Amino acid sequence: MHIDSYRFGQIKVDGCAYSKDVILLRGEVTSPWWREGGGHVFATSDMGKLLEAAPEVVVMGTGYFGRVRVLKETIAAFAESGTEVIIERTPKSVEIFNGLSAEGRDVAAALHLTC
């Protein structure tokens, strides 16, 4: 899985464009991605699919300007499942995801596409 491009409000993954937030997990794209925690929070309840899959690494993109908060409970839930968490603004998250994916790592992503 490869992220071809990202700009504010749009991401292209393996040739397909998306304009709503995405989860990338083992070759599948989930978009739109409904979040109970609200538009600018990554809550544990929003991460069920990722927590259940327990990838080696999950990259969380907090938006173009980094406005999304990742709750401490969310980070703790991933730690309990043995998943490393990387939290960055979405542009940097895209770079990290692509790098880890190219290395063949079991990497997933939760990416906010706007602010």
Protein backbone atom coordinates (compact mmCIF):
# COMPACT_ATOMS: atom_id res chain seq x y z
CA MET A 1 0.00 0.00 0.00
CA HIS A 2 1.36 3.40 -0.98
CA ILE A 3 0.15 6.96 -0.46
CA ASP A 4 0.69 8.62 -3.82
CA SER A 5 0.00 12.17 -2.67
CA TYR A 6 -1.50 14.29 0.07
CA ARG A 7 -2.67 17.87 0.18
CA PHE A 8 -5.06 19.65 2.51
CA GLY A 9 -8.38 17.80 2.25
CA GLN A 10 -7.31 15.13 -0.23
CA ILE A 11 -5.21 11.99 -0.26
CA LYS A 12 -4.48 9.56 -3.06
CA VAL A 13 -3.78 5.93 -2.08
CA ASP A 14 -2.79 3.38 -4.70
CA GLY A 15 -4.28 5.57 -7.43
CA CYS A 16 -7.62 6.27 -5.69
CA ALA A 17 -8.45 9.73 -4.34
CA TYR A 18 -10.24 10.32 -1.03
CA SER A 19 -11.52 13.56 0.47
CA LYS A 20 -12.63 12.24 3.87
CA ASP A 21 -10.43 10.98 6.72
CA VAL A 22 -8.98 7.52 6.14
CA ILE A 23 -7.80 4.40 7.91
CA LEU A 24 -5.20 2.39 6.02
CA LEU A 25 -4.90 -1.19 7.19
CA ARG A 26 -3.34 -4.15 5.42
CA GLY A 27 -4.26 -3.14 1.90
CA GLU A 28 -7.70 -1.72 2.73
CA VAL A 29 -8.79 1.90 2.85
CA THR A 30 -11.71 2.87 5.09
CA SER A 31 -13.17 6.25 4.17
CA PRO A 32 -15.11 8.05 5.38
CA TRP A 33 -14.09 7.08 8.85
CA TRP A 34 -16.72 7.82 11.48
CA ARG A 35 -15.28 9.07 14.77
CA GLU A 36 -17.37 9.08 17.93
CA GLY A 37 -14.73 11.21 19.63
CA GLY A 38 -15.49 14.10 17.28
CA GLY A 39 -13.70 15.76 14.41
CA HIS A 40 -10.58 16.84 16.25
CA VAL A 41 -9.99 13.99 18.70
CA PHE A 42 -8.70 10.46 18.17
CA ALA A 43 -10.49 8.53 20.93
CA THR A 44 -10.07 4.85 21.77
CA SER A 45 -13.63 4.18 20.58
CA ASP A 46 -12.61 5.43 17.12
CA MET A 47 -9.76 2.93 16.80
CA GLY A 48 -11.62 -0.39 17.17
CA LYS A 49 -10.60 -1.75 13.78
CA LEU A 50 -6.95 -0.83 14.32
CA LEU A 51 -6.84 -2.07 17.91
CA GLU A 52 -8.37 -5.39 16.90
CA ALA A 53 -5.85 -5.84 14.07
CA ALA A 54 -2.90 -4.91 16.34
CA PRO A 55 -0.44 -3.91 13.60
CA GLU A 56 3.22 -3.51 14.47
CA VAL A 57 2.99 0.28 14.01
CA VAL A 58 0.11 2.73 13.67
CA VAL A 59 0.79 6.21 12.31
CA MET A 60 -1.70 8.89 13.35
CA GLY A 61 -1.92 11.97 11.18
CA THR A 62 -3.27 14.86 13.22
CA GLY A 63 -4.17 17.06 10.25
CA TYR A 64 -2.36 19.47 8.00
CA PHE A 65 -1.88 21.92 10.90
CA GLY A 66 -1.84 19.26 13.65
CA ARG A 67 -5.13 20.25 15.29
CA VAL A 68 -6.33 16.73 16.19
CA ARG A 69 -5.62 15.54 19.73
CA VAL A 70 -4.79 11.91 20.39
CA LEU A 71 -6.13 10.99 23.82
CA LYS A 72 -3.76 9.39 26.35
CA GLU A 73 -6.20 6.49 26.70
CA THR A 74 -5.91 5.85 22.96
CA ILE A 75 -2.12 5.66 23.12
CA ALA A 76 -2.36 3.39 26.17
CA ALA A 77 -4.76 1.03 24.40
CA PHE A 78 -2.30 0.58 21.54
CA ALA A 79 0.57 0.06 23.98
CA GLU A 80 -1.42 -2.72 25.66
CA SER A 81 -1.81 -4.46 22.29
CA GLY A 82 1.92 -4.14 21.57
CA THR A 83 1.46 -1.59 18.77
CA GLU A 84 3.96 1.25 18.42
CA VAL A 85 2.24 4.63 17.95
CA ILE A 86 3.68 7.47 15.88
CA ILE A 87 1.84 10.80 16.06
CA GLU A 88 2.67 13.55 13.57
CA ARG A 89 0.97 16.12 11.40
CA THR A 90 -0.54 14.42 8.37
CA PRO A 91 2.12 15.52 5.83
CA LYS A 92 4.87 13.95 7.95
CA SER A 93 2.66 10.92 8.73
CA VAL A 94 2.38 10.23 5.00
CA GLU A 95 6.18 10.18 4.67
CA ILE A 96 6.54 7.88 7.68
CA PHE A 97 3.79 5.52 6.51
CA ASN A 98 5.30 5.21 3.03
CA GLY A 99 8.77 4.60 4.45
CA LEU A 100 7.63 1.89 6.85
CA SER A 101 5.43 0.30 4.20
CA ALA A 102 8.35 0.22 1.74
CA GLU A 103 10.41 -1.57 4.42
CA GLY A 104 7.73 -4.26 4.57
CA ARG A 105 6.63 -3.38 8.10
CA ASP A 106 3.09 -4.14 9.31
CA VAL A 107 2.04 -0.48 9.39
CA ALA A 108 -1.41 1.06 9.55
CA ALA A 109 -2.52 4.68 9.54
CA ALA A 110 -5.34 6.88 10.81
CA LEU A 111 -5.18 10.17 8.93
CA HIS A 112 -7.13 13.41 9.37
CA LEU A 113 -7.04 15.21 6.03
CA THR A 114 -7.91 18.79 6.91
CA CYS A 115 -6.98 21.09 9.78
